[in-house]
Amino acid sequence: MSFHKNVFVNCPFDDDYRPLLRPLLFTISYLGFKPRIALEELDSGTPRIQKIVGLIKLSRYAIHDLSRLQARKKGEYYRLNMPLEFGIDVGCRLFGRKKHSLKRCLILEEQSYRYQAALSDLSGSDIAVHGRSPEVLVTQVRNWLNSQAHVQAPGPTRVWTAFLEFMSDNYDALTERGFSKRDVEILPVYELIGCIDKWVRDLRTPRARVRTGRRARGKRRAS
């Protein structure tokens, strides 16, 4: 996949973020782009920071979710991985090769203005707020890619509906292969991306059709 279709994803990898990560990856793929994320492959021999730098250099677009900037309980350290990767991305855009000047990024947050307390240098930047809502996140990512890449994307409601259908279809396909409900829930990111790619690819074949009568069942499996 070319530099112009790659979207680097910088976000938390914990279980609490999983309901947001799935629609985030799906929206990118559904709109014809390729999500690039540190967990897209398992290689214990490659330092993660080296892998991240490589993915950033390969990606024209990037999505940075900075919603883990605040510790949630006493004695807990707030997460610095996401701001670090955001900084690397900005540096690549400013000091990289000529094509890297074309890089664009979307900053996501859970709440408005909270980021200013931790990263005051971002004051005045456009921040998209999702409020931990998967559907809102889909809308924010869809709108940003549509404006930056000029892809004439389908509407946010259609993208969200497609995601719900994917979740339902993918659950059925995986359970038929012997996956338990828990197995599906904790499906590794690289397998999830493979399932999304296949579903989207099949959808775009001449014989594929979108099944819109399964929204209710899909919604139960979207989180």
N, C-alpha and C. Protein backbone atom coordinates (compact mmCIF):
# COMPACT_ATOMS: atom_id res chain seq x y z
N MET A 1 0.85 -1.18 0.00
CA MET A 1 0.00 0.00 0.00
C MET A 1 0.89 1.23 0.00
N SER A 2 0.55 2.25 -0.77
CA SER A 2 1.41 3.41 -0.95
C SER A 2 1.35 4.35 0.25
N PHE A 3 2.33 5.21 0.31
CA PHE A 3 2.42 6.26 1.31
C PHE A 3 1.12 7.05 1.40
N HIS A 4 0.50 7.33 0.27
CA HIS A 4 -0.68 8.17 0.22
C HIS A 4 -1.95 7.48 0.72
N LYS A 5 -1.91 6.18 0.95
CA LYS A 5 -3.08 5.45 1.46
C LYS A 5 -2.89 4.95 2.89
N ASN A 6 -1.70 5.09 3.42
CA ASN A 6 -1.43 4.60 4.77
C ASN A 6 -1.88 5.61 5.83
N VAL A 7 -2.51 5.08 6.89
CA VAL A 7 -2.95 5.90 8.01
C VAL A 7 -2.35 5.31 9.28
N PHE A 8 -1.39 6.01 9.86
CA PHE A 8 -0.78 5.55 11.11
C PHE A 8 -1.75 5.79 12.26
N VAL A 9 -1.95 4.77 13.10
CA VAL A 9 -2.87 4.85 14.22
C VAL A 9 -2.08 4.81 15.53
N ASN A 10 -2.20 5.85 16.30
CA ASN A 10 -1.52 5.99 17.59
C ASN A 10 -2.60 6.10 18.65
N CYS A 11 -2.79 5.04 19.42
CA CYS A 11 -3.88 5.01 20.39
C CYS A 11 -3.54 4.04 21.52
N PRO A 12 -4.32 4.05 22.60
CA PRO A 12 -4.11 3.06 23.66
C PRO A 12 -4.40 1.65 23.16
N PHE A 13 -3.76 0.67 23.79
CA PHE A 13 -3.99 -0.73 23.41
C PHE A 13 -4.67 -1.51 24.54
N ASP A 14 -5.22 -0.83 25.53
CA ASP A 14 -5.82 -1.53 26.66
C ASP A 14 -7.25 -1.96 26.32
N ASP A 15 -7.80 -2.80 27.20
CA ASP A 15 -9.14 -3.35 26.96
C ASP A 15 -10.21 -2.26 26.93
N ASP A 16 -10.03 -1.20 27.71
CA ASP A 16 -11.04 -0.14 27.75
C ASP A 16 -11.16 0.58 26.42
N TYR A 17 -10.08 0.57 25.63
CA TYR A 17 -10.11 1.29 24.35
C TYR A 17 -10.60 0.40 23.21
N ARG A 18 -10.70 -0.90 23.45
CA ARG A 18 -11.05 -1.83 22.38
C ARG A 18 -12.36 -1.46 21.66
N PRO A 19 -13.42 -1.03 22.38
CA PRO A 19 -14.66 -0.65 21.68
C PRO A 19 -14.48 0.53 20.73
N LEU A 20 -13.42 1.33 20.92
CA LEU A 20 -13.13 2.43 20.00
C LEU A 20 -12.16 2.02 18.91
N LEU A 21 -11.23 1.14 19.25
CA LEU A 21 -10.22 0.72 18.27
C LEU A 21 -10.85 -0.01 17.09
N ARG A 22 -11.81 -0.87 17.35
CA ARG A 22 -12.43 -1.64 16.26
C ARG A 22 -13.09 -0.74 15.21
N PRO A 23 -13.97 0.19 15.61
CA PRO A 23 -14.57 1.06 14.59
C PRO A 23 -13.56 2.01 13.96
N LEU A 24 -12.51 2.37 14.71
CA LEU A 24 -11.48 3.23 14.15
C LEU A 24 -10.77 2.54 12.99
N LEU A 25 -10.33 1.31 13.21
CA LEU A 25 -9.65 0.55 12.16
C LEU A 25 -10.60 0.27 10.99
N PHE A 26 -11.86 -0.04 11.32
CA PHE A 26 -12.83 -0.35 10.27
C PHE A 26 -13.08 0.86 9.37
N THR A 27 -13.26 2.03 9.96
CA THR A 27 -13.56 3.23 9.17
C THR A 27 -12.43 3.53 8.19
N ILE A 28 -11.20 3.39 8.65
CA ILE A 28 -10.05 3.63 7.78
C ILE A 28 -10.09 2.68 6.58
N SER A 29 -10.29 1.40 6.85
CA SER A 29 -10.31 0.41 5.76
C SER A 29 -11.51 0.60 4.85
N TYR A 30 -12.67 0.88 5.43
CA TYR A 30 -13.90 1.01 4.65
C TYR A 30 -13.81 2.16 3.65
N LEU A 31 -13.05 3.19 4.00
CA LEU A 31 -12.90 4.35 3.12
C LEU A 31 -11.77 4.17 2.11
N GLY A 32 -11.16 2.99 2.09
CA GLY A 32 -10.16 2.70 1.08
C GLY A 32 -8.72 2.97 1.48
N PHE A 33 -8.48 3.14 2.79
CA PHE A 33 -7.14 3.39 3.27
C PHE A 33 -6.63 2.16 4.03
N LYS A 34 -5.36 2.21 4.41
CA LYS A 34 -4.72 1.10 5.10
C LYS A 34 -4.29 1.54 6.49
N PRO A 35 -4.90 0.98 7.54
CA PRO A 35 -4.44 1.34 8.89
C PRO A 35 -3.07 0.72 9.17
N ARG A 36 -2.17 1.51 9.69
CA ARG A 36 -0.85 1.04 10.08
C ARG A 36 -0.70 1.26 11.59
N ILE A 37 -0.45 0.19 12.30
CA ILE A 37 -0.44 0.24 13.75
C ILE A 37 0.63 -0.70 14.26
N ALA A 38 1.20 -0.37 15.39
CA ALA A 38 2.33 -1.15 15.91
C ALA A 38 1.99 -2.62 16.11
N LEU A 39 0.72 -2.93 16.39
CA LEU A 39 0.30 -4.30 16.64
C LEU A 39 -0.14 -5.04 15.38
N GLU A 40 0.14 -4.48 14.21
CA GLU A 40 -0.30 -5.13 12.97
C GLU A 40 0.48 -6.41 12.70
N GLU A 41 1.62 -6.58 13.36
CA GLU A 41 2.37 -7.83 13.24
C GLU A 41 3.09 -8.08 14.56
N LEU A 42 3.38 -9.35 14.84
CA LEU A 42 4.07 -9.74 16.06
C LEU A 42 5.50 -10.09 15.73
N ASP A 43 6.43 -9.30 16.25
CA ASP A 43 7.85 -9.55 16.03
C ASP A 43 8.60 -9.08 17.26
N SER A 44 8.88 -10.02 18.16
CA SER A 44 9.53 -9.67 19.42
C SER A 44 10.98 -9.22 19.20
N GLY A 45 11.52 -9.47 18.03
CA GLY A 45 12.91 -9.12 17.76
C GLY A 45 13.10 -7.68 17.32
N THR A 46 12.01 -6.97 17.05
CA THR A 46 12.11 -5.58 16.61
C THR A 46 11.61 -4.65 17.72
N PRO A 47 12.44 -3.75 18.21
CA PRO A 47 11.99 -2.79 19.23
C PRO A 47 10.78 -2.01 18.73
N ARG A 48 9.78 -1.83 19.61
CA ARG A 48 8.54 -1.19 19.17
C ARG A 48 8.77 0.21 18.64
N ILE A 49 9.66 0.98 19.28
CA ILE A 49 9.87 2.35 18.83
C ILE A 49 10.43 2.37 17.41
N GLN A 50 11.27 1.39 17.08
CA GLN A 50 11.81 1.30 15.72
C GLN A 50 10.69 1.01 14.72
N LYS A 51 9.79 0.12 15.12
CA LYS A 51 8.64 -0.21 14.26
C LYS A 51 7.74 1.01 14.07
N ILE A 52 7.51 1.74 15.15
CA ILE A 52 6.64 2.91 15.09
C ILE A 52 7.21 3.98 14.16
N VAL A 53 8.50 4.25 14.30
CA VAL A 53 9.14 5.25 13.44
C VAL A 53 9.01 4.86 11.97
N GLY A 54 9.20 3.57 11.69
CA GLY A 54 9.06 3.09 10.31
C GLY A 54 7.66 3.29 9.78
N LEU A 55 6.64 3.00 10.59
CA LEU A 55 5.26 3.16 10.15
C LEU A 55 4.91 4.64 9.93
N ILE A 56 5.42 5.50 10.80
CA ILE A 56 5.17 6.93 10.64
C ILE A 56 5.75 7.43 9.32
N LYS A 57 6.95 7.00 9.01
CA LYS A 57 7.60 7.42 7.76
C LYS A 57 6.85 6.93 6.54
N LEU A 58 6.14 5.81 6.67
CA LEU A 58 5.43 5.22 5.54
C LEU A 58 4.01 5.76 5.36
N SER A 59 3.56 6.62 6.28
CA SER A 59 2.15 7.02 6.30
C SER A 59 1.96 8.51 6.09
N ARG A 60 1.18 8.84 5.07
CA ARG A 60 0.86 10.26 4.85
C ARG A 60 -0.09 10.79 5.92
N TYR A 61 -0.98 9.93 6.38
CA TYR A 61 -1.99 10.34 7.36
C TYR A 61 -1.71 9.67 8.70
N ALA A 62 -2.15 10.32 9.77
CA ALA A 62 -1.99 9.75 11.11
C ALA A 62 -3.15 10.19 11.99
N ILE A 63 -3.56 9.28 12.86
CA ILE A 63 -4.61 9.57 13.84
C ILE A 63 -4.01 9.32 15.22
N HIS A 64 -4.02 10.36 16.05
CA HIS A 64 -3.43 10.29 17.39
C HIS A 64 -4.53 10.50 18.43
N ASP A 65 -4.82 9.47 19.20
CA ASP A 65 -5.80 9.61 20.27
C ASP A 65 -5.04 9.86 21.57
N LEU A 66 -5.17 11.06 22.11
CA LEU A 66 -4.43 11.46 23.31
C LEU A 66 -5.29 11.39 24.57
N SER A 67 -6.30 10.54 24.57
CA SER A 67 -7.25 10.50 25.68
C SER A 67 -6.75 9.78 26.92
N ARG A 68 -5.49 9.37 26.94
CA ARG A 68 -4.92 8.74 28.14
C ARG A 68 -3.89 9.66 28.79
N LEU A 69 -4.07 10.95 28.66
CA LEU A 69 -3.11 11.91 29.22
C LEU A 69 -3.25 12.07 30.73
N GLN A 70 -4.35 11.60 31.29
CA GLN A 70 -4.61 11.82 32.70
C GLN A 70 -4.66 10.50 33.45
N ALA A 71 -3.95 10.43 34.59
CA ALA A 71 -4.01 9.23 35.43
C ALA A 71 -5.42 9.07 35.97
N ARG A 72 -5.85 7.83 36.16
CA ARG A 72 -7.22 7.58 36.59
C ARG A 72 -7.35 7.30 38.07
N LYS A 73 -6.24 7.01 38.74
CA LYS A 73 -6.29 6.75 40.17
C LYS A 73 -5.00 7.21 40.82
N LYS A 74 -5.02 7.37 42.12
CA LYS A 74 -3.89 7.86 42.87
C LYS A 74 -2.69 6.93 42.72
N GLY A 75 -1.54 7.53 42.44
CA GLY A 75 -0.32 6.74 42.30
C GLY A 75 -0.08 6.19 40.91
N GLU A 76 -1.04 6.37 40.01
CA GLU A 76 -0.90 5.87 38.64
C GLU A 76 -0.22 6.92 37.76
N TYR A 77 0.69 6.47 36.92
CA TYR A 77 1.34 7.37 35.97
C TYR A 77 0.47 7.52 34.73
N TYR A 78 0.38 8.74 34.22
CA TYR A 78 -0.36 8.91 32.96
C TYR A 78 0.52 8.44 31.81
N ARG A 79 -0.12 8.12 30.72
CA ARG A 79 0.55 7.46 29.61
C ARG A 79 1.24 8.47 28.71
N LEU A 80 2.52 8.23 28.43
CA LEU A 80 3.30 9.13 27.59
C LEU A 80 3.56 8.58 26.19
N ASN A 81 3.18 7.34 25.94
CA ASN A 81 3.45 6.74 24.63
C ASN A 81 2.79 7.52 23.50
N MET A 82 1.53 7.89 23.70
CA MET A 82 0.80 8.56 22.63
C MET A 82 1.37 9.96 22.33
N PRO A 83 1.66 10.79 23.35
CA PRO A 83 2.30 12.08 23.03
C PRO A 83 3.66 11.91 22.38
N LEU A 84 4.43 10.89 22.79
CA LEU A 84 5.73 10.65 22.18
C LEU A 84 5.59 10.35 20.70
N GLU A 85 4.67 9.48 20.35
CA GLU A 85 4.48 9.12 18.94
C GLU A 85 3.93 10.30 18.14
N PHE A 86 3.08 11.09 18.76
CA PHE A 86 2.59 12.30 18.09
C PHE A 86 3.75 13.24 17.79
N GLY A 87 4.66 13.39 18.75
CA GLY A 87 5.82 14.25 18.53
C GLY A 87 6.71 13.74 17.42
N ILE A 88 6.90 12.42 17.34
CA ILE A 88 7.70 11.84 16.26
C ILE A 88 7.05 12.14 14.91
N ASP A 89 5.73 12.04 14.86
CA ASP A 89 5.00 12.30 13.61
C ASP A 89 5.17 13.75 13.18
N VAL A 90 5.04 14.67 14.13
CA VAL A 90 5.22 16.09 13.81
C VAL A 90 6.65 16.34 13.33
N GLY A 91 7.62 15.73 14.01
CA GLY A 91 9.00 15.89 13.60
C GLY A 91 9.26 15.36 12.21
N CYS A 92 8.64 14.24 11.87
CA CYS A 92 8.80 13.66 10.53
C CYS A 92 8.25 14.61 9.48
N ARG A 93 7.13 15.23 9.79
CA ARG A 93 6.52 16.18 8.84
C ARG A 93 7.41 17.41 8.63
N LEU A 94 8.04 17.87 9.70
CA LEU A 94 8.84 19.09 9.62
C LEU A 94 10.25 18.87 9.09
N PHE A 95 10.84 17.72 9.42
CA PHE A 95 12.25 17.51 9.12
C PHE A 95 12.52 16.32 8.19
N GLY A 96 11.46 15.66 7.74
CA GLY A 96 11.64 14.50 6.88
C GLY A 96 11.89 14.88 5.44
N ARG A 97 11.72 13.90 4.58
CA ARG A 97 11.90 14.12 3.14
C ARG A 97 10.78 15.00 2.59
N LYS A 98 10.93 15.38 1.33
CA LYS A 98 9.97 16.30 0.72
C LYS A 98 8.54 15.79 0.81
N LYS A 99 8.34 14.49 0.57
CA LYS A 99 6.98 13.95 0.60
C LYS A 99 6.37 14.03 1.99
N HIS A 100 7.21 14.04 3.04
CA HIS A 100 6.70 14.06 4.39
C HIS A 100 6.07 15.41 4.76
N SER A 101 6.35 16.44 3.96
CA SER A 101 5.69 17.73 4.19
C SER A 101 4.20 17.65 3.87
N LEU A 102 3.79 16.57 3.18
CA LEU A 102 2.38 16.36 2.84
C LEU A 102 1.62 15.67 3.97
N LYS A 103 2.32 15.24 5.01
CA LYS A 103 1.67 14.49 6.09
C LYS A 103 0.59 15.33 6.77
N ARG A 104 -0.47 14.68 7.16
CA ARG A 104 -1.56 15.32 7.89
C ARG A 104 -1.97 14.43 9.06
N CYS A 105 -2.42 15.05 10.15
CA CYS A 105 -2.80 14.24 11.31
C CYS A 105 -4.10 14.75 11.92
N LEU A 106 -4.79 13.82 12.56
CA LEU A 106 -6.00 14.11 13.32
C LEU A 106 -5.70 13.80 14.78
N ILE A 107 -5.99 14.76 15.66
CA ILE A 107 -5.82 14.55 17.10
C ILE A 107 -7.19 14.30 17.71
N LEU A 108 -7.32 13.18 18.38
CA LEU A 108 -8.57 12.82 19.05
C LEU A 108 -8.39 12.96 20.56
N GLU A 109 -9.46 13.33 21.22
CA GLU A 109 -9.47 13.38 22.68
C GLU A 109 -10.85 12.96 23.17
N GLU A 110 -10.89 12.58 24.44
CA GLU A 110 -12.15 12.18 25.04
C GLU A 110 -12.98 13.39 25.44
N GLN A 111 -12.32 14.44 25.95
CA GLN A 111 -13.00 15.62 26.43
C GLN A 111 -12.40 16.88 25.81
N SER A 112 -13.23 17.88 25.64
CA SER A 112 -12.75 19.15 25.09
C SER A 112 -11.82 19.86 26.07
N TYR A 113 -10.77 20.44 25.55
CA TYR A 113 -9.86 21.34 26.27
C TYR A 113 -8.99 20.67 27.33
N ARG A 114 -9.24 19.40 27.68
CA ARG A 114 -8.44 18.76 28.72
C ARG A 114 -6.98 18.66 28.31
N TYR A 115 -6.73 18.46 27.02
CA TYR A 115 -5.37 18.29 26.53
C TYR A 115 -4.50 19.51 26.82
N GLN A 116 -5.11 20.69 26.94
CA GLN A 116 -4.34 21.91 27.13
C GLN A 116 -3.58 21.91 28.45
N ALA A 117 -4.09 21.18 29.44
CA ALA A 117 -3.41 21.12 30.73
C ALA A 117 -2.14 20.28 30.66
N ALA A 118 -2.10 19.32 29.74
CA ALA A 118 -0.94 18.44 29.63
C ALA A 118 -0.02 18.84 28.48
N LEU A 119 -0.60 19.35 27.39
CA LEU A 119 0.18 19.73 26.21
C LEU A 119 -0.24 21.13 25.78
N SER A 120 0.21 22.11 26.51
CA SER A 120 -0.21 23.48 26.23
C SER A 120 0.25 23.96 24.85
N ASP A 121 1.29 23.35 24.29
CA ASP A 121 1.75 23.75 22.96
C ASP A 121 0.71 23.46 21.89
N LEU A 122 -0.29 22.62 22.20
CA LEU A 122 -1.33 22.30 21.24
C LEU A 122 -2.48 23.31 21.26
N SER A 123 -2.40 24.28 22.15
CA SER A 123 -3.48 25.28 22.22
C SER A 123 -3.66 25.94 20.86
N GLY A 124 -4.89 26.04 20.45
CA GLY A 124 -5.18 26.60 19.14
C GLY A 124 -5.27 25.57 18.03
N SER A 125 -4.91 24.32 18.34
CA SER A 125 -5.00 23.25 17.35
C SER A 125 -6.43 22.71 17.28
N ASP A 126 -6.78 22.15 16.14
CA ASP A 126 -8.10 21.54 15.98
C ASP A 126 -8.08 20.14 16.59
N ILE A 127 -8.85 19.94 17.62
CA ILE A 127 -8.94 18.66 18.31
C ILE A 127 -10.34 18.10 18.11
N ALA A 128 -10.45 16.83 17.73
CA ALA A 128 -11.75 16.18 17.57
C ALA A 128 -12.07 15.39 18.83
N VAL A 129 -13.23 15.62 19.37
CA VAL A 129 -13.64 14.99 20.63
C VAL A 129 -14.63 13.86 20.35
N HIS A 130 -14.38 12.68 20.94
CA HIS A 130 -15.28 11.54 20.72
C HIS A 130 -16.09 11.16 21.95
N GLY A 131 -15.72 11.65 23.13
CA GLY A 131 -16.51 11.34 24.32
C GLY A 131 -16.64 9.87 24.62
N ARG A 132 -15.71 9.06 24.14
CA ARG A 132 -15.70 7.59 24.30
C ARG A 132 -16.89 6.94 23.59
N SER A 133 -17.47 7.63 22.63
CA SER A 133 -18.58 7.08 21.85
C SER A 133 -18.04 6.52 20.54
N PRO A 134 -18.17 5.21 20.29
CA PRO A 134 -17.70 4.63 19.03
C PRO A 134 -18.34 5.28 17.80
N GLU A 135 -19.63 5.59 17.88
CA GLU A 135 -20.31 6.17 16.73
C GLU A 135 -19.81 7.58 16.45
N VAL A 136 -19.56 8.35 17.50
CA VAL A 136 -19.00 9.69 17.31
C VAL A 136 -17.60 9.61 16.73
N LEU A 137 -16.81 8.65 17.21
CA LEU A 137 -15.46 8.47 16.68
C LEU A 137 -15.49 8.17 15.19
N VAL A 138 -16.40 7.31 14.76
CA VAL A 138 -16.54 6.99 13.33
C VAL A 138 -16.82 8.26 12.55
N THR A 139 -17.71 9.09 13.05
CA THR A 139 -18.04 10.33 12.37
C THR A 139 -16.83 11.25 12.26
N GLN A 140 -16.08 11.38 13.36
CA GLN A 140 -14.92 12.27 13.36
C GLN A 140 -13.86 11.79 12.37
N VAL A 141 -13.57 10.49 12.37
CA VAL A 141 -12.55 9.95 11.49
C VAL A 141 -13.00 10.03 10.04
N ARG A 142 -14.27 9.69 9.78
CA ARG A 142 -14.80 9.77 8.42
C ARG A 142 -14.72 11.19 7.88
N ASN A 143 -15.16 12.17 8.69
CA ASN A 143 -15.17 13.56 8.24
C ASN A 143 -13.76 14.07 7.97
N TRP A 144 -12.82 13.67 8.81
CA TRP A 144 -11.44 14.13 8.63
C TRP A 144 -10.81 13.54 7.37
N LEU A 145 -10.94 12.24 7.17
CA LEU A 145 -10.38 11.63 5.97
C LEU A 145 -11.04 12.18 4.71
N ASN A 146 -12.34 12.40 4.79
CA ASN A 146 -13.05 12.94 3.63
C ASN A 146 -12.53 14.33 3.26
N SER A 147 -12.25 15.15 4.28
CA SER A 147 -11.79 16.52 4.00
C SER A 147 -10.33 16.56 3.58
N GLN A 148 -9.50 15.70 4.16
CA GLN A 148 -8.07 15.74 3.88
C GLN A 148 -7.70 15.01 2.58
N ALA A 149 -8.38 13.91 2.30
CA ALA A 149 -8.03 13.09 1.13
C ALA A 149 -9.01 13.28 -0.02
N HIS A 150 -10.12 14.00 0.22
CA HIS A 150 -11.10 14.28 -0.85
C HIS A 150 -11.58 12.98 -1.52
N VAL A 151 -12.08 12.06 -0.69
CA VAL A 151 -12.45 10.73 -1.19
C VAL A 151 -13.94 10.60 -1.49
N GLN A 152 -14.74 11.64 -1.26
CA GLN A 152 -16.20 11.57 -1.44
C GLN A 152 -16.75 10.36 -0.69
N ALA A 153 -16.45 10.32 0.58
CA ALA A 153 -16.82 9.18 1.42
C ALA A 153 -18.33 9.10 1.61
N PRO A 154 -18.86 7.89 1.81
CA PRO A 154 -20.27 7.75 2.17
C PRO A 154 -20.52 8.45 3.51
N GLY A 155 -21.76 8.73 3.79
CA GLY A 155 -22.11 9.44 5.02
C GLY A 155 -21.75 8.68 6.28
N PRO A 156 -21.59 9.40 7.40
CA PRO A 156 -21.24 8.75 8.66
C PRO A 156 -22.20 7.64 9.07
N THR A 157 -23.49 7.83 8.81
CA THR A 157 -24.47 6.80 9.19
C THR A 157 -24.24 5.52 8.41
N ARG A 158 -23.92 5.65 7.12
CA ARG A 158 -23.66 4.45 6.32
C ARG A 158 -22.40 3.73 6.80
N VAL A 159 -21.37 4.49 7.14
CA VAL A 159 -20.14 3.87 7.63
C VAL A 159 -20.41 3.14 8.94
N TRP A 160 -21.16 3.76 9.85
CA TRP A 160 -21.48 3.13 11.13
C TRP A 160 -22.31 1.88 10.92
N THR A 161 -23.29 1.95 10.03
CA THR A 161 -24.11 0.77 9.75
C THR A 161 -23.27 -0.36 9.19
N ALA A 162 -22.35 -0.04 8.31
CA ALA A 162 -21.46 -1.06 7.75
C ALA A 162 -20.60 -1.69 8.84
N PHE A 163 -20.15 -0.88 9.78
CA PHE A 163 -19.35 -1.42 10.88
C PHE A 163 -20.17 -2.41 11.71
N LEU A 164 -21.41 -2.07 12.02
CA LEU A 164 -22.27 -2.97 12.78
C LEU A 164 -22.48 -4.29 12.03
N GLU A 165 -22.66 -4.20 10.72
CA GLU A 165 -22.85 -5.41 9.92
C GLU A 165 -21.57 -6.25 9.91
N PHE A 166 -20.44 -5.58 9.80
CA PHE A 166 -19.17 -6.31 9.87
C PHE A 166 -19.05 -7.05 11.20
N MET A 167 -19.35 -6.39 12.30
CA MET A 167 -19.22 -7.02 13.62
C MET A 167 -20.09 -8.26 13.71
N SER A 168 -21.31 -8.18 13.19
CA SER A 168 -22.21 -9.33 13.22
C SER A 168 -21.69 -10.46 12.32
N ASP A 169 -21.33 -10.12 11.10
CA ASP A 169 -20.83 -11.13 10.16
C ASP A 169 -19.53 -11.76 10.66
N ASN A 170 -18.66 -10.94 11.22
CA ASN A 170 -17.37 -11.44 11.69
C ASN A 170 -17.56 -12.37 12.88
N TYR A 171 -18.49 -12.03 13.76
CA TYR A 171 -18.78 -12.90 14.91
C TYR A 171 -19.26 -14.27 14.43
N ASP A 172 -20.17 -14.27 13.47
CA ASP A 172 -20.67 -15.54 12.94
C ASP A 172 -19.56 -16.35 12.28
N ALA A 173 -18.73 -15.67 11.50
CA ALA A 173 -17.66 -16.37 10.79
C ALA A 173 -16.64 -16.96 11.75
N LEU A 174 -16.31 -16.23 12.79
CA LEU A 174 -15.30 -16.71 13.74
C LEU A 174 -15.84 -17.82 14.62
N THR A 175 -17.08 -17.70 15.08
CA THR A 175 -17.63 -18.77 15.92
C THR A 175 -17.80 -20.06 15.13
N GLU A 176 -18.06 -19.95 13.85
CA GLU A 176 -18.13 -21.15 13.01
C GLU A 176 -16.78 -21.83 12.90
N ARG A 177 -15.70 -21.06 13.09
CA ARG A 177 -14.34 -21.61 13.05
C ARG A 177 -13.87 -22.08 14.42
N GLY A 178 -14.74 -22.03 15.41
CA GLY A 178 -14.38 -22.54 16.72
C GLY A 178 -13.96 -21.49 17.74
N PHE A 179 -14.13 -20.21 17.43
CA PHE A 179 -13.81 -19.15 18.37
C PHE A 179 -14.94 -19.01 19.39
N SER A 180 -14.58 -18.85 20.65
CA SER A 180 -15.58 -18.56 21.68
C SER A 180 -15.90 -17.07 21.66
N LYS A 181 -16.94 -16.68 22.40
CA LYS A 181 -17.28 -15.26 22.49
C LYS A 181 -16.10 -14.47 23.03
N ARG A 182 -15.41 -15.02 24.02
CA ARG A 182 -14.24 -14.35 24.59
C ARG A 182 -13.10 -14.27 23.57
N ASP A 183 -12.92 -15.34 22.78
CA ASP A 183 -11.88 -15.31 21.74
C ASP A 183 -12.13 -14.17 20.76
N VAL A 184 -13.38 -14.00 20.38
CA VAL A 184 -13.73 -12.93 19.44
C VAL A 184 -13.46 -11.57 20.07
N GLU A 185 -13.79 -11.45 21.35
CA GLU A 185 -13.63 -10.18 22.05
C GLU A 185 -12.18 -9.74 22.11
N ILE A 186 -11.26 -10.68 22.30
CA ILE A 186 -9.84 -10.33 22.45
C ILE A 186 -9.04 -10.69 21.20
N LEU A 187 -9.71 -10.75 20.06
CA LEU A 187 -9.03 -11.07 18.81
C LEU A 187 -7.83 -10.14 18.61
N PRO A 188 -6.63 -10.69 18.35
CA PRO A 188 -5.46 -9.84 18.14
C PRO A 188 -5.68 -8.83 17.02
N VAL A 189 -5.05 -7.69 17.16
CA VAL A 189 -5.26 -6.59 16.22
C VAL A 189 -4.93 -7.01 14.79
N TYR A 190 -3.83 -7.75 14.61
CA TYR A 190 -3.46 -8.12 13.24
C TYR A 190 -4.50 -9.04 12.61
N GLU A 191 -5.14 -9.90 13.42
CA GLU A 191 -6.21 -10.74 12.89
C GLU A 191 -7.46 -9.92 12.61
N LEU A 192 -7.76 -8.97 13.48
CA LEU A 192 -8.91 -8.11 13.27
C LEU A 192 -8.77 -7.34 11.97
N ILE A 193 -7.59 -6.78 11.72
CA ILE A 193 -7.36 -6.04 10.47
C ILE A 193 -7.56 -6.96 9.27
N GLY A 194 -7.08 -8.20 9.38
CA GLY A 194 -7.27 -9.15 8.29
C GLY A 194 -8.74 -9.43 8.03
N CYS A 195 -9.53 -9.58 9.11
CA CYS A 195 -10.97 -9.81 8.96
C CYS A 195 -11.66 -8.62 8.33
N ILE A 196 -11.28 -7.42 8.75
CA ILE A 196 -11.87 -6.20 8.18
C ILE A 196 -11.54 -6.10 6.69
N ASP A 197 -10.28 -6.32 6.35
CA ASP A 197 -9.86 -6.22 4.95
C ASP A 197 -10.64 -7.19 4.08
N LYS A 198 -10.82 -8.41 4.56
CA LYS A 198 -11.54 -9.42 3.78
C LYS A 198 -13.00 -9.02 3.62
N TRP A 199 -13.62 -8.55 4.69
CA TRP A 199 -15.03 -8.17 4.62
C TRP A 199 -15.23 -7.03 3.65
N VAL A 200 -14.38 -6.02 3.74
CA VAL A 200 -14.50 -4.86 2.84
C VAL A 200 -14.22 -5.27 1.40
N ARG A 201 -13.23 -6.12 1.21
CA ARG A 201 -12.90 -6.58 -0.15
C ARG A 201 -14.05 -7.37 -0.74
N ASP A 202 -14.65 -8.26 0.04
CA ASP A 202 -15.79 -9.04 -0.44
C ASP A 202 -16.99 -8.15 -0.74
N LEU A 203 -17.15 -7.10 0.07
CA LEU A 203 -18.26 -6.18 -0.13
C LEU A 203 -18.17 -5.48 -1.48
N ARG A 204 -16.95 -5.28 -1.93
CA ARG A 204 -16.73 -4.52 -3.17
C ARG A 204 -16.67 -5.40 -4.42
N THR A 205 -16.83 -6.69 -4.26
CA THR A 205 -16.87 -7.56 -5.42
C THR A 205 -18.24 -7.43 -6.08
N PRO A 206 -18.37 -7.75 -7.37
CA PRO A 206 -19.65 -7.58 -8.07
C PRO A 206 -20.81 -8.33 -7.45
N ARG A 207 -20.53 -9.47 -6.82
CA ARG A 207 -21.63 -10.27 -6.28
C ARG A 207 -21.94 -9.94 -4.82
N ALA A 208 -21.15 -9.06 -4.22
CA ALA A 208 -21.36 -8.74 -2.81
C ALA A 208 -22.60 -7.86 -2.64
N ARG A 209 -23.20 -7.94 -1.47
CA ARG A 209 -24.35 -7.08 -1.18
C ARG A 209 -24.32 -6.72 0.31
N VAL A 210 -24.79 -5.56 0.61
CA VAL A 210 -24.86 -5.11 1.99
C VAL A 210 -26.18 -5.57 2.58
N ARG A 211 -26.10 -6.20 3.74
CA ARG A 211 -27.31 -6.67 4.41
C ARG A 211 -27.68 -5.67 5.51
N THR A 212 -28.76 -4.97 5.29
CA THR A 212 -29.11 -3.89 6.21
C THR A 212 -30.13 -4.31 7.26
N GLY A 213 -30.59 -5.54 7.22
CA GLY A 213 -31.60 -5.98 8.18
C GLY A 213 -31.04 -6.52 9.46
N ARG A 214 -29.71 -6.35 9.69
CA ARG A 214 -29.10 -6.98 10.86
C ARG A 214 -28.53 -5.94 11.80
N ARG A 215 -28.99 -4.73 11.74
CA ARG A 215 -28.41 -3.66 12.53
C ARG A 215 -28.55 -3.93 14.03
N ALA A 216 -29.72 -4.40 14.46
CA ALA A 216 -29.92 -4.59 15.89
C ALA A 216 -28.94 -5.62 16.45
N ARG A 217 -28.79 -6.75 15.75
CA ARG A 217 -27.88 -7.77 16.23
C ARG A 217 -26.45 -7.29 16.17
N GLY A 218 -26.11 -6.53 15.12
CA GLY A 218 -24.76 -6.00 15.00
C GLY A 218 -24.45 -5.01 16.12
N LYS A 219 -25.44 -4.20 16.49
CA LYS A 219 -25.19 -3.19 17.53
C LYS A 219 -24.84 -3.85 18.86
N ARG A 220 -25.45 -5.00 19.18
CA ARG A 220 -25.11 -5.67 20.43
C ARG A 220 -23.68 -6.14 20.44
N ARG A 221 -23.09 -6.35 19.27
CA ARG A 221 -21.72 -6.87 19.21
C ARG A 221 -20.71 -5.78 18.89
N ALA A 222 -21.13 -4.53 18.81
CA ALA A 222 -20.23 -3.45 18.43
C ALA A 222 -19.36 -2.98 19.58
N SER A 223 -19.67 -3.35 20.78
CA SER A 223 -18.88 -2.89 21.92
C SER A 223 -18.18 -4.05 22.60
